[in-house]
Amino acid sequence: MIKLTQHILFFIIVINTTIFASDSFSERDPFIPITLLTTATTPNPTLLSIWIPLYFANANQVVSFLSAPHLMILSPQGKIRADLRNNQIWLQDDATHLVQIKKLIQHLDKSGPQFLIRAKIINVDRQYQKALGVLFQTENQNTNPIAPLTLNEPNLTTGAGQFTVSIAKLAGDHLLNLQISALEQEGHASLISSPALMTLNNQPAIIESGAEVPYQESTSSGATSVSFKKAVLRLKVTPIEMPQHHILLHISLNQDKVSALTVNGVPAIQTQQITTQVVVRNKQTIVLGGILETTHATQNTSVPIVNHIPLVGELFQHHIKQTKQRELLIFITPSMLKALY
């Protein structure tokens, strides 16, 4: 009978301790109830175990941060694990540390703003750039240019020059679509792509436009197969929220083109790449330019029959050589959206 009484008293102590630990956490918080791992009779602190679901933060990143030894966030007996499948954290520590860690996790688990990245990729005749309010490396009433960025182009043959990308900020883009449509109708511009992507704060938005070039590949057994190489325009934009409705954009631009050079039947790809950063206002449009394409064409006109007469036939022929230079313009407009919570 005495042993039974001792057992009942011990059971009451466990229940009271569990309720006290539960009171340390708000019932409104979405935490799974605490499980008591050690009894109050042990000299070591009571270790409690909880599951903490995450709604916006990555469980693996949060665990890496909290378990950093130099931060000393956990107690010496504390343990933390990430459940990547359900994006939640398993945490084991004493009640005092759990309360502090819970507040820290709530601070880390915030949505932050979302961004809508709108882009327009346009191929336009250089002499008609002014119609879009874009004139790089000069100052006019419509643009606020930034110094051009230049880097060597490693994949071109000697003498091919350099790849120069200029950046300009447009004061307003309310007439941009109308101007592009007008140039398209006149044949002076062509809209290649007009994507719009949603992304989170400090997360990249990637836009690709191009094609895959097929080529034949031979194996050691003599069989042939068709493989593909990408030749695309790749734009990577990573927005970061800044004070006073400003946005820091990390921009990476990559332009691949198929070269006339082939190695064992495999086409060579000319690569032009630039990486830069720029600060813009919310919903302000910036323009990237400097990717040029030059085409040479010869137009022949002649008078039938007589143009084939020896010696004098050349008098009835007319040759016109045309050089046309087009520039790829990329318009980027970031829009900051409110956070969910």
C-alpha atoms as a PDB file:
ATOM      1  CA  MET A   1       0.000   0.000   0.000  1.00  0.00           C
ATOM      2  CA  ILE A   2       2.888   2.373   0.735  1.00  0.00           C
ATOM      3  CA  LYS A   3       4.471   1.713  -2.646  1.00  0.00           C
ATOM      4  CA  LEU A   4       1.196   2.529  -4.370  1.00  0.00           C
ATOM      5  CA  THR A   5       0.944   5.875  -2.521  1.00  0.00           C
ATOM      6  CA  GLN A   6       4.472   6.819  -3.563  1.00  0.00           C
ATOM      7  CA  HIS A   7       3.642   6.028  -7.136  1.00  0.00           C
ATOM      8  CA  ILE A   8       0.551   8.253  -7.043  1.00  0.00           C
ATOM      9  CA  LEU A   9       2.495  11.177  -5.565  1.00  0.00           C
ATOM     10  CA  PHE A  10       5.164  10.853  -8.222  1.00  0.00           C
ATOM     11  CA  PHE A  11       2.510  10.852 -10.917  1.00  0.00           C
ATOM     12  CA  ILE A  12       1.001  14.082  -9.546  1.00  0.00           C
ATOM     13  CA  ILE A  13       4.411  15.784  -9.650  1.00  0.00           C
ATOM     14  CA  VAL A  14       4.836  14.863 -13.310  1.00  0.00           C
ATOM     15  CA  ILE A  15       1.434  16.273 -14.230  1.00  0.00           C
ATOM     16  CA  ASN A  16       2.072  19.551 -12.398  1.00  0.00           C
ATOM     17  CA  THR A  17       5.457  19.965 -14.062  1.00  0.00           C
ATOM     18  CA  THR A  18       3.959  19.387 -17.480  1.00  0.00           C
ATOM     19  CA  ILE A  19       1.249  22.004 -16.947  1.00  0.00           C
ATOM     20  CA  PHE A  20       3.813  24.521 -15.727  1.00  0.00           C
ATOM     21  CA  ALA A  21       5.924  23.952 -18.841  1.00  0.00           C
ATOM     22  CA  SER A  22       2.895  24.305 -21.072  1.00  0.00           C
ATOM     23  CA  ASP A  23       2.034  27.634 -19.461  1.00  0.00           C
ATOM     24  CA  SER A  24       5.354  28.985 -20.701  1.00  0.00           C
ATOM     25  CA  PHE A  25       3.983  28.872 -24.262  1.00  0.00           C
ATOM     26  CA  SER A  26       0.901  30.638 -25.509  1.00  0.00           C
ATOM     27  CA  GLU A  27      -1.987  28.355 -26.441  1.00  0.00           C
ATOM     28  CA  ARG A  28      -2.601  30.493 -29.516  1.00  0.00           C
ATOM     29  CA  ASP A  29       0.765  29.550 -31.012  1.00  0.00           C
ATOM     30  CA  PRO A  30       0.649  26.633 -33.488  1.00  0.00           C
ATOM     31  CA  PHE A  31       2.987  24.373 -31.540  1.00  0.00           C
ATOM     32  CA  ILE A  32       2.494  20.694 -30.844  1.00  0.00           C
ATOM     33  CA  PRO A  33       2.113  20.087 -27.056  1.00  0.00           C
ATOM     34  CA  ILE A  34       5.256  19.598 -25.012  1.00  0.00           C
ATOM     35  CA  THR A  35       6.445  16.116 -24.073  1.00  0.00           C
ATOM     36  CA  LEU A  36       8.233  15.658 -20.742  1.00  0.00           C
ATOM     37  CA  LEU A  37      11.456  13.701 -21.246  1.00  0.00           C
ATOM     38  CA  THR A  38      12.993  13.675 -17.750  1.00  0.00           C
ATOM     39  CA  THR A  39      11.529  13.734 -14.257  1.00  0.00           C
ATOM     40  CA  ALA A  40      11.835  16.524 -11.721  1.00  0.00           C
ATOM     41  CA  THR A  41      13.860  14.265  -9.430  1.00  0.00           C
ATOM     42  CA  THR A  42      16.947  14.409 -11.674  1.00  0.00           C
ATOM     43  CA  PRO A  43      19.553  17.094 -10.954  1.00  0.00           C
ATOM     44  CA  ASN A  44      19.800  18.121 -14.627  1.00  0.00           C
ATOM     45  CA  PRO A  45      17.325  20.649 -16.111  1.00  0.00           C
ATOM     46  CA  THR A  46      14.111  19.204 -17.436  1.00  0.00           C
ATOM     47  CA  LEU A  47      14.316  18.719 -21.209  1.00  0.00           C
ATOM     48  CA  LEU A  48      11.195  19.370 -23.243  1.00  0.00           C
ATOM     49  CA  SER A  49      10.522  18.469 -26.860  1.00  0.00           C
ATOM     50  CA  ILE A  50       8.395  20.449 -29.326  1.00  0.00           C
ATOM     51  CA  TRP A  51       7.677  20.544 -33.052  1.00  0.00           C
ATOM     52  CA  ILE A  52       7.665  24.028 -34.594  1.00  0.00           C
ATOM     53  CA  PRO A  53       6.097  24.377 -38.075  1.00  0.00           C
ATOM     54  CA  LEU A  54       7.507  27.028 -40.404  1.00  0.00           C
ATOM     55  CA  TYR A  55       5.365  28.930 -42.900  1.00  0.00           C
ATOM     56  CA  PHE A  56       7.856  31.079 -44.807  1.00  0.00           C
ATOM     57  CA  ALA A  57      11.418  30.268 -43.730  1.00  0.00           C
ATOM     58  CA  ASN A  58      13.344  27.208 -44.858  1.00  0.00           C
ATOM     59  CA  ALA A  59      13.677  24.623 -42.075  1.00  0.00           C
ATOM     60  CA  ASN A  60      17.203  23.626 -43.053  1.00  0.00           C
ATOM     61  CA  GLN A  61      18.423  27.237 -43.087  1.00  0.00           C
ATOM     62  CA  VAL A  62      16.832  27.998 -39.714  1.00  0.00           C
ATOM     63  CA  VAL A  63      18.403  24.900 -38.146  1.00  0.00           C
ATOM     64  CA  SER A  64      21.825  25.844 -39.547  1.00  0.00           C
ATOM     65  CA  PHE A  65      21.494  29.294 -38.020  1.00  0.00           C
ATOM     66  CA  LEU A  66      20.261  28.152 -34.596  1.00  0.00           C
ATOM     67  CA  SER A  67      22.811  25.342 -34.257  1.00  0.00           C
ATOM     68  CA  ALA A  68      25.841  27.531 -35.019  1.00  0.00           C
ATOM     69  CA  PRO A  69      28.287  26.857 -32.139  1.00  0.00           C
ATOM     70  CA  HIS A  70      29.568  30.428 -31.867  1.00  0.00           C
ATOM     71  CA  LEU A  71      26.042  31.807 -31.319  1.00  0.00           C
ATOM     72  CA  MET A  72      25.390  29.519 -28.302  1.00  0.00           C
ATOM     73  CA  ILE A  73      21.614  29.690 -28.773  1.00  0.00           C
ATOM     74  CA  LEU A  74      20.975  26.144 -27.560  1.00  0.00           C
ATOM     75  CA  SER A  75      21.922  24.889 -24.122  1.00  0.00           C
ATOM     76  CA  PRO A  76      24.662  22.229 -23.866  1.00  0.00           C
ATOM     77  CA  GLN A  77      21.924  19.578 -23.680  1.00  0.00           C
ATOM     78  CA  GLY A  78      19.827  21.134 -26.463  1.00  0.00           C
ATOM     79  CA  LYS A  79      19.211  19.425 -29.791  1.00  0.00           C
ATOM     80  CA  ILE A  80      17.579  20.617 -33.007  1.00  0.00           C
ATOM     81  CA  ARG A  81      16.630  18.817 -36.228  1.00  0.00           C
ATOM     82  CA  ALA A  82      14.940  19.840 -39.491  1.00  0.00           C
ATOM     83  CA  ASP A  83      12.006  17.976 -41.024  1.00  0.00           C
ATOM     84  CA  LEU A  84      12.420  19.015 -44.659  1.00  0.00           C
ATOM     85  CA  ARG A  85       9.376  17.121 -45.880  1.00  0.00           C
ATOM     86  CA  ASN A  86       6.961  19.070 -43.673  1.00  0.00           C
ATOM     87  CA  ASN A  87       9.174  22.155 -43.283  1.00  0.00           C
ATOM     88  CA  GLN A  88       9.160  22.015 -39.512  1.00  0.00           C
ATOM     89  CA  ILE A  89      11.720  21.913 -36.713  1.00  0.00           C
ATOM     90  CA  TRP A  90      12.112  19.433 -33.870  1.00  0.00           C
ATOM     91  CA  LEU A  91      13.594  21.141 -30.834  1.00  0.00           C
ATOM     92  CA  GLN A  92      14.687  19.705 -27.496  1.00  0.00           C
ATOM     93  CA  ASP A  93      15.879  21.921 -24.640  1.00  0.00           C
ATOM     94  CA  ASP A  94      14.939  23.219 -21.210  1.00  0.00           C
ATOM     95  CA  ALA A  95      11.901  25.487 -20.803  1.00  0.00           C
ATOM     96  CA  THR A  96      13.911  28.711 -20.483  1.00  0.00           C
ATOM     97  CA  HIS A  97      15.816  28.149 -23.720  1.00  0.00           C
ATOM     98  CA  LEU A  98      12.688  26.999 -25.555  1.00  0.00           C
ATOM     99  CA  VAL A  99      10.898  30.267 -24.795  1.00  0.00           C
ATOM    100  CA  GLN A 100      13.830  32.305 -26.120  1.00  0.00           C
ATOM    101  CA  ILE A 101      14.322  30.132 -29.198  1.00  0.00           C
ATOM    102  CA  LYS A 102      10.602  30.251 -29.960  1.00  0.00           C
ATOM    103  CA  LYS A 103      10.673  34.055 -30.084  1.00  0.00           C
ATOM    104  CA  LEU A 104      13.738  33.980 -32.325  1.00  0.00           C
ATOM    105  CA  ILE A 105      12.106  31.528 -34.740  1.00  0.00           C
ATOM    106  CA  GLN A 106       8.976  33.683 -34.916  1.00  0.00           C
ATOM    107  CA  HIS A 107      11.208  36.598 -35.905  1.00  0.00           C
ATOM    108  CA  LEU A 108      12.928  34.526 -38.606  1.00  0.00           C
ATOM    109  CA  ASP A 109       9.706  33.015 -39.969  1.00  0.00           C
ATOM    110  CA  LYS A 110       8.349  36.103 -41.736  1.00  0.00           C
ATOM    111  CA  SER A 111       7.109  36.333 -45.284  1.00  0.00           C
ATOM    112  CA  GLY A 112       8.737  39.581 -46.396  1.00  0.00           C
ATOM    113  CA  PRO A 113       7.651  41.362 -49.581  1.00  0.00           C
ATOM    114  CA  GLN A 114       7.034  39.708 -52.916  1.00  0.00           C
ATOM    115  CA  PHE A 115       8.133  41.180 -56.224  1.00  0.00           C
ATOM    116  CA  LEU A 116       6.601  41.202 -59.677  1.00  0.00           C
ATOM    117  CA  ILE A 117       9.391  41.376 -62.262  1.00  0.00           C
ATOM    118  CA  ARG A 118       8.166  42.504 -65.681  1.00  0.00           C
ATOM    119  CA  ALA A 119      10.550  42.440 -68.613  1.00  0.00           C
ATOM    120  CA  LYS A 120      10.383  43.374 -72.281  1.00  0.00           C
ATOM    121  CA  ILE A 121      13.052  42.100 -74.663  1.00  0.00           C
ATOM    122  CA  ILE A 122      13.087  44.147 -77.875  1.00  0.00           C
ATOM    123  CA  ASN A 123      15.234  44.105 -80.997  1.00  0.00           C
ATOM    124  CA  VAL A 124      15.300  47.636 -82.432  1.00  0.00           C
ATOM    125  CA  ASP A 125      17.143  49.513 -85.162  1.00  0.00           C
ATOM    126  CA  ARG A 126      19.764  51.704 -83.547  1.00  0.00           C
ATOM    127  CA  GLN A 127      18.688  54.877 -85.339  1.00  0.00           C
ATOM    128  CA  TYR A 128      15.190  54.511 -83.876  1.00  0.00           C
ATOM    129  CA  GLN A 129      16.238  54.140 -80.229  1.00  0.00           C
ATOM    130  CA  LYS A 130      15.316  57.743 -79.528  1.00  0.00           C
ATOM    131  CA  ALA A 131      11.688  56.909 -80.231  1.00  0.00           C
ATOM    132  CA  LEU A 132      11.768  54.780 -77.069  1.00  0.00           C
ATOM    133  CA  GLY A 133      13.389  57.528 -75.032  1.00  0.00           C
ATOM    134  CA  VAL A 134      16.642  55.597 -74.831  1.00  0.00           C
ATOM    135  CA  LEU A 135      19.979  57.101 -75.787  1.00  0.00           C
ATOM    136  CA  PHE A 136      22.807  55.463 -73.892  1.00  0.00           C
ATOM    137  CA  GLN A 137      25.885  57.280 -72.608  1.00  0.00           C
ATOM    138  CA  THR A 138      24.250  60.683 -73.192  1.00  0.00           C
ATOM    139  CA  GLU A 139      22.004  62.872 -71.088  1.00  0.00           C
ATOM    140  CA  ASN A 140      18.547  63.915 -72.211  1.00  0.00           C
ATOM    141  CA  GLN A 141      15.202  64.690 -70.643  1.00  0.00           C
ATOM    142  CA  ASN A 142      13.899  61.125 -70.693  1.00  0.00           C
ATOM    143  CA  THR A 143      16.790  59.110 -69.308  1.00  0.00           C
ATOM    144  CA  ASN A 144      19.247  59.153 -66.467  1.00  0.00           C
ATOM    145  CA  PRO A 145      22.125  57.056 -67.804  1.00  0.00           C
ATOM    146  CA  ILE A 146      24.626  55.179 -65.734  1.00  0.00           C
ATOM    147  CA  ALA A 147      28.207  54.691 -66.864  1.00  0.00           C
ATOM    148  CA  PRO A 148      28.460  51.721 -69.251  1.00  0.00           C
ATOM    149  CA  LEU A 149      29.858  48.459 -67.971  1.00  0.00           C
ATOM    150  CA  THR A 150      32.542  46.816 -70.091  1.00  0.00           C
ATOM    151  CA  LEU A 151      34.212  43.445 -69.875  1.00  0.00           C
ATOM    152  CA  ASN A 152      36.287  41.354 -72.220  1.00  0.00           C
ATOM    153  CA  GLU A 153      34.450  38.768 -74.251  1.00  0.00           C
ATOM    154  CA  PRO A 154      36.486  35.578 -73.816  1.00  0.00           C
ATOM    155  CA  ASN A 155      34.769  33.345 -76.373  1.00  0.00           C
ATOM    156  CA  LEU A 156      35.167  35.521 -79.444  1.00  0.00           C
ATOM    157  CA  THR A 157      38.117  35.492 -81.800  1.00  0.00           C
ATOM    158  CA  THR A 158      40.858  38.120 -81.505  1.00  0.00           C
ATOM    159  CA  GLY A 159      39.771  41.460 -82.841  1.00  0.00           C
ATOM    160  CA  ALA A 160      36.101  40.912 -82.126  1.00  0.00           C
ATOM    161  CA  GLY A 161      36.198  43.746 -79.607  1.00  0.00           C
ATOM    162  CA  GLN A 162      34.457  44.014 -76.286  1.00  0.00           C
ATOM    163  CA  PHE A 163      30.966  43.404 -74.999  1.00  0.00           C
ATOM    164  CA  THR A 164      29.622  46.651 -73.551  1.00  0.00           C
ATOM    165  CA  VAL A 165      26.326  46.858 -71.714  1.00  0.00           C
ATOM    166  CA  SER A 166      24.833  50.223 -70.821  1.00  0.00           C
ATOM    167  CA  ILE A 167      22.135  50.814 -68.224  1.00  0.00           C
ATOM    168  CA  ALA A 168      19.642  53.676 -68.172  1.00  0.00           C
ATOM    169  CA  LYS A 169      16.754  54.525 -65.863  1.00  0.00           C
ATOM    170  CA  LEU A 170      13.556  55.744 -67.480  1.00  0.00           C
ATOM    171  CA  ALA A 171      11.730  58.578 -65.777  1.00  0.00           C
ATOM    172  CA  GLY A 172       8.402  57.114 -66.869  1.00  0.00           C
ATOM    173  CA  ASP A 173       7.190  54.196 -68.965  1.00  0.00           C
ATOM    174  CA  HIS A 174       3.508  54.993 -69.412  1.00  0.00           C
ATOM    175  CA  LEU A 175       3.976  55.419 -73.197  1.00  0.00           C
ATOM    176  CA  LEU A 176       6.447  52.583 -73.615  1.00  0.00           C
ATOM    177  CA  ASN A 177       3.981  49.990 -74.935  1.00  0.00           C
ATOM    178  CA  LEU A 178       2.534  52.481 -77.409  1.00  0.00           C
ATOM    179  CA  GLN A 179       5.983  53.428 -78.706  1.00  0.00           C
ATOM    180  CA  ILE A 180       7.000  49.790 -79.096  1.00  0.00           C
ATOM    181  CA  SER A 181       3.814  49.001 -81.036  1.00  0.00           C
ATOM    182  CA  ALA A 182       4.412  51.962 -83.345  1.00  0.00           C
ATOM    183  CA  LEU A 183       7.969  50.852 -84.111  1.00  0.00           C
ATOM    184  CA  GLU A 184       6.790  47.277 -84.701  1.00  0.00           C
ATOM    185  CA  GLN A 185       4.209  48.434 -87.238  1.00  0.00           C
ATOM    186  CA  GLU A 186       6.890  50.388 -89.100  1.00  0.00           C
ATOM    187  CA  GLY A 187       9.248  47.397 -89.082  1.00  0.00           C
ATOM    188  CA  HIS A 188      11.909  49.124 -86.991  1.00  0.00           C
ATOM    189  CA  ALA A 189      11.520  46.944 -83.883  1.00  0.00           C
ATOM    190  CA  SER A 190      10.372  43.485 -82.894  1.00  0.00           C
ATOM    191  CA  LEU A 191       9.187  42.362 -79.468  1.00  0.00           C
ATOM    192  CA  ILE A 192      10.979  39.095 -78.732  1.00  0.00           C
ATOM    193  CA  SER A 193       9.496  38.340 -75.325  1.00  0.00           C
ATOM    194  CA  SER A 194       7.422  40.017 -72.635  1.00  0.00           C
ATOM    195  CA  PRO A 195       7.534  37.797 -69.513  1.00  0.00           C
ATOM    196  CA  ALA A 196       6.319  38.597 -65.998  1.00  0.00           C
ATOM    197  CA  LEU A 197       7.491  36.605 -62.981  1.00  0.00           C
ATOM    198  CA  MET A 198       6.722  36.596 -59.262  1.00  0.00           C
ATOM    199  CA  THR A 199       9.545  36.080 -56.795  1.00  0.00           C
ATOM    200  CA  LEU A 200      10.293  36.520 -53.105  1.00  0.00           C
ATOM    201  CA  ASN A 201      12.658  38.948 -51.479  1.00  0.00           C
ATOM    202  CA  ASN A 202      16.295  38.024 -52.210  1.00  0.00           C
ATOM    203  CA  GLN A 203      15.212  35.152 -54.488  1.00  0.00           C
ATOM    204  CA  PRO A 204      16.131  35.074 -58.205  1.00  0.00           C
ATOM    205  CA  ALA A 205      13.709  35.368 -61.109  1.00  0.00           C
ATOM    206  CA  ILE A 206      15.116  33.750 -64.262  1.00  0.00           C
ATOM    207  CA  ILE A 207      13.980  34.510 -67.810  1.00  0.00           C
ATOM    208  CA  GLU A 208      15.229  32.584 -70.854  1.00  0.00           C
ATOM    209  CA  SER A 209      14.509  33.202 -74.521  1.00  0.00           C
ATOM    210  CA  GLY A 210      16.188  31.341 -77.362  1.00  0.00           C
ATOM    211  CA  ALA A 211      16.521  27.943 -78.962  1.00  0.00           C
ATOM    212  CA  GLU A 212      18.334  24.636 -78.713  1.00  0.00           C
ATOM    213  CA  VAL A 213      20.668  23.900 -81.626  1.00  0.00           C
ATOM    214  CA  PRO A 214      20.652  20.239 -82.767  1.00  0.00           C
ATOM    215  CA  TYR A 215      23.828  18.455 -83.857  1.00  0.00           C
ATOM    216  CA  GLN A 216      24.820  14.868 -84.532  1.00  0.00           C
ATOM    217  CA  GLU A 217      27.092  13.024 -82.141  1.00  0.00           C
ATOM    218  CA  SER A 218      28.901   9.773 -82.891  1.00  0.00           C
ATOM    219  CA  THR A 219      29.611   7.076 -80.337  1.00  0.00           C
ATOM    220  CA  SER A 220      32.537   4.640 -80.205  1.00  0.00           C
ATOM    221  CA  SER A 221      30.336   1.933 -81.721  1.00  0.00           C
ATOM    222  CA  GLY A 222      29.661   4.070 -84.789  1.00  0.00           C
ATOM    223  CA  ALA A 223      26.072   4.904 -83.928  1.00  0.00           C
ATOM    224  CA  THR A 224      24.911   8.499 -84.157  1.00  0.00           C
ATOM    225  CA  SER A 225      22.561  10.414 -81.933  1.00  0.00           C
ATOM    226  CA  VAL A 226      21.130  13.906 -81.944  1.00  0.00           C
ATOM    227  CA  SER A 227      22.156  16.201 -79.115  1.00  0.00           C
ATOM    228  CA  PHE A 228      21.255  19.800 -78.386  1.00  0.00           C
ATOM    229  CA  LYS A 229      23.147  22.871 -77.219  1.00  0.00           C
ATOM    230  CA  LYS A 230      21.383  25.887 -75.792  1.00  0.00           C
ATOM    231  CA  ALA A 231      21.750  29.257 -77.483  1.00  0.00           C
ATOM    232  CA  VAL A 232      19.598  31.519 -75.355  1.00  0.00           C
ATOM    233  CA  LEU A 233      19.324  34.944 -73.870  1.00  0.00           C
ATOM    234  CA  ARG A 234      19.240  34.407 -70.103  1.00  0.00           C
ATOM    235  CA  LEU A 235      18.276  37.151 -67.689  1.00  0.00           C
ATOM    236  CA  LYS A 236      18.524  36.599 -63.938  1.00  0.00           C
ATOM    237  CA  VAL A 237      17.138  39.285 -61.628  1.00  0.00           C
ATOM    238  CA  THR A 238      17.311  39.100 -57.819  1.00  0.00           C
ATOM    239  CA  PRO A 239      15.386  41.886 -56.035  1.00  0.00           C
ATOM    240  CA  ILE A 240      16.192  42.969 -52.476  1.00  0.00           C
ATOM    241  CA  GLU A 241      14.017  45.308 -50.432  1.00  0.00           C
ATOM    242  CA  MET A 242      15.646  48.572 -49.377  1.00  0.00           C
ATOM    243  CA  PRO A 243      14.403  51.530 -47.293  1.00  0.00           C
ATOM    244  CA  GLN A 244      12.161  54.287 -48.694  1.00  0.00           C
ATOM    245  CA  HIS A 245      10.542  52.091 -51.384  1.00  0.00           C
ATOM    246  CA  HIS A 246      13.804  51.420 -53.190  1.00  0.00           C
ATOM    247  CA  ILE A 247      14.854  48.071 -54.640  1.00  0.00           C
ATOM    248  CA  LEU A 248      18.348  46.703 -55.130  1.00  0.00           C
ATOM    249  CA  LEU A 249      18.528  44.562 -58.276  1.00  0.00           C
ATOM    250  CA  HIS A 250      21.252  41.992 -58.831  1.00  0.00           C
ATOM    251  CA  ILE A 251      21.233  41.534 -62.610  1.00  0.00           C
ATOM    252  CA  SER A 252      22.985  38.796 -64.552  1.00  0.00           C
ATOM    253  CA  LEU A 253      22.693  38.869 -68.341  1.00  0.00           C
ATOM    254  CA  ASN A 254      23.932  36.062 -70.583  1.00  0.00           C
ATOM    255  CA  GLN A 255      23.660  36.079 -74.384  1.00  0.00           C
ATOM    256  CA  ASP A 256      24.612  32.935 -76.335  1.00  0.00           C
ATOM    257  CA  LYS A 257      24.859  32.832 -80.118  1.00  0.00           C
ATOM    258  CA  VAL A 258      25.716  30.042 -82.521  1.00  0.00           C
ATOM    259  CA  SER A 259      29.080  30.616 -84.167  1.00  0.00           C
ATOM    260  CA  ALA A 260      30.034  29.592 -87.689  1.00  0.00           C
ATOM    261  CA  LEU A 261      32.933  27.683 -86.142  1.00  0.00           C
ATOM    262  CA  THR A 262      32.402  23.972 -85.525  1.00  0.00           C
ATOM    263  CA  VAL A 263      34.624  21.434 -83.785  1.00  0.00           C
ATOM    264  CA  ASN A 264      34.080  17.837 -84.929  1.00  0.00           C
ATOM    265  CA  GLY A 265      30.638  18.829 -86.109  1.00  0.00           C
ATOM    266  CA  VAL A 266      29.698  20.441 -82.804  1.00  0.00           C
ATOM    267  CA  PRO A 267      28.739  24.110 -83.196  1.00  0.00           C
ATOM    268  CA  ALA A 268      30.627  26.619 -81.094  1.00  0.00           C
ATOM    269  CA  ILE A 269      28.633  28.982 -78.907  1.00  0.00           C
ATOM    270  CA  GLN A 270      29.680  32.602 -78.498  1.00  0.00           C
ATOM    271  CA  THR A 271      28.920  33.754 -74.969  1.00  0.00           C
ATOM    272  CA  GLN A 272      28.524  37.302 -73.727  1.00  0.00           C
ATOM    273  CA  GLN A 273      27.941  37.783 -70.012  1.00  0.00           C
ATOM    274  CA  ILE A 274      27.535  40.701 -67.626  1.00  0.00           C
ATOM    275  CA  THR A 275      26.777  40.915 -63.909  1.00  0.00           C
ATOM    276  CA  THR A 276      25.877  44.185 -62.216  1.00  0.00           C
ATOM    277  CA  GLN A 277      23.806  45.831 -59.476  1.00  0.00           C
ATOM    278  CA  VAL A 278      21.520  48.843 -59.621  1.00  0.00           C
ATOM    279  CA  VAL A 279      19.173  50.591 -57.170  1.00  0.00           C
ATOM    280  CA  VAL A 280      15.787  51.705 -58.508  1.00  0.00           C
ATOM    281  CA  ARG A 281      12.559  53.059 -57.107  1.00  0.00           C
ATOM    282  CA  ASN A 282       9.511  50.853 -56.835  1.00  0.00           C
ATOM    283  CA  LYS A 283       7.926  50.380 -60.298  1.00  0.00           C
ATOM    284  CA  GLN A 284      10.725  52.284 -62.015  1.00  0.00           C
ATOM    285  CA  THR A 285      11.883  50.914 -65.369  1.00  0.00           C
ATOM    286  CA  ILE A 286      15.524  50.376 -66.232  1.00  0.00           C
ATOM    287  CA  VAL A 287      16.913  49.532 -69.658  1.00  0.00           C
ATOM    288  CA  LEU A 288      19.852  47.304 -70.524  1.00  0.00           C
ATOM    289  CA  GLY A 289      21.413  47.716 -73.934  1.00  0.00           C
ATOM    290  CA  GLY A 290      24.644  47.147 -75.788  1.00  0.00           C
ATOM    291  CA  ILE A 291      24.102  43.732 -77.387  1.00  0.00           C
ATOM    292  CA  LEU A 292      24.522  44.598 -81.063  1.00  0.00           C
ATOM    293  CA  GLU A 293      23.794  42.570 -84.169  1.00  0.00           C
ATOM    294  CA  THR A 294      25.158  43.767 -87.505  1.00  0.00           C
ATOM    295  CA  THR A 295      23.883  42.359 -90.804  1.00  0.00           C
ATOM    296  CA  HIS A 296      25.290  43.009 -94.259  1.00  0.00           C
ATOM    297  CA  ALA A 297      23.058  42.596 -97.308  1.00  0.00           C
ATOM    298  CA  THR A 298      23.478  43.240-101.014  1.00  0.00           C
ATOM    299  CA  GLN A 299      20.497  44.052-103.221  1.00  0.00           C
ATOM    300  CA  ASN A 300      20.917  43.436-106.957  1.00  0.00           C
ATOM    301  CA  THR A 301      18.637  44.905-109.610  1.00  0.00           C
ATOM    302  CA  SER A 302      19.102  44.600-113.348  1.00  0.00           C
ATOM    303  CA  VAL A 303      17.401  44.845-116.734  1.00  0.00           C
ATOM    304  CA  PRO A 304      16.498  41.382-117.984  1.00  0.00           C
ATOM    305  CA  ILE A 305      18.315  39.918-120.998  1.00  0.00           C
ATOM    306  CA  VAL A 306      20.596  42.884-121.660  1.00  0.00           C
ATOM    307  CA  ASN A 307      22.276  42.492-118.281  1.00  0.00           C
ATOM    308  CA  HIS A 308      23.888  39.294-119.599  1.00  0.00           C
ATOM    309  CA  ILE A 309      25.539  40.958-122.587  1.00  0.00           C
ATOM    310  CA  PRO A 310      29.315  40.760-122.180  1.00  0.00           C
ATOM    311  CA  LEU A 311      31.167  43.978-121.379  1.00  0.00           C
ATOM    312  CA  VAL A 312      28.076  46.212-121.478  1.00  0.00           C
ATOM    313  CA  GLY A 313      25.859  44.053-119.254  1.00  0.00           C
ATOM    314  CA  GLU A 314      27.269  45.670-116.124  1.00  0.00           C
ATOM    315  CA  LEU A 315      25.790  48.991-117.257  1.00  0.00           C
ATOM    316  CA  PHE A 316      22.308  47.534-116.806  1.00  0.00           C
ATOM    317  CA  GLN A 317      22.956  46.201-113.292  1.00  0.00           C
ATOM    318  CA  HIS A 318      22.668  48.020-109.992  1.00  0.00           C
ATOM    319  CA  HIS A 319      24.125  46.786-106.693  1.00  0.00           C
ATOM    320  CA  ILE A 320      23.177  48.239-103.326  1.00  0.00           C
ATOM    321  CA  LYS A 321      25.105  47.219-100.215  1.00  0.00           C
ATOM    322  CA  GLN A 322      23.266  47.701 -96.960  1.00  0.00           C
ATOM    323  CA  THR A 323      24.587  47.491 -93.414  1.00  0.00           C
ATOM    324  CA  LYS A 324      21.954  47.255 -90.727  1.00  0.00           C
ATOM    325  CA  GLN A 325      22.687  47.400 -87.025  1.00  0.00           C
ATOM    326  CA  ARG A 326      20.126  46.337 -84.479  1.00  0.00           C
ATOM    327  CA  GLU A 327      20.409  46.467 -80.711  1.00  0.00           C
ATOM    328  CA  LEU A 328      18.817  44.264 -78.104  1.00  0.00           C
ATOM    329  CA  LEU A 329      17.082  46.353 -75.432  1.00  0.00           C
ATOM    330  CA  ILE A 330      15.859  44.797 -72.198  1.00  0.00           C
ATOM    331  CA  PHE A 331      13.347  46.753 -70.104  1.00  0.00           C
ATOM    332  CA  ILE A 332      13.027  45.629 -66.469  1.00  0.00           C
ATOM    333  CA  THR A 333      10.305  46.936 -64.148  1.00  0.00           C
ATOM    334  CA  PRO A 334      10.261  45.611 -60.549  1.00  0.00           C
ATOM    335  CA  SER A 335       7.104  46.087 -58.482  1.00  0.00           C
ATOM    336  CA  MET A 336       7.127  45.487 -54.736  1.00  0.00           C
ATOM    337  CA  LEU A 337       4.033  43.812 -53.305  1.00  0.00           C
ATOM    338  CA  LYS A 338       2.991  43.844 -49.668  1.00  0.00           C
ATOM    339  CA  ALA A 339       3.961  41.006 -47.367  1.00  0.00           C
ATOM    340  CA  LEU A 340       1.293  38.437 -46.532  1.00  0.00           C
ATOM    341  CA  TYR A 341       1.834  38.768 -42.771  1.00  0.00           C
END
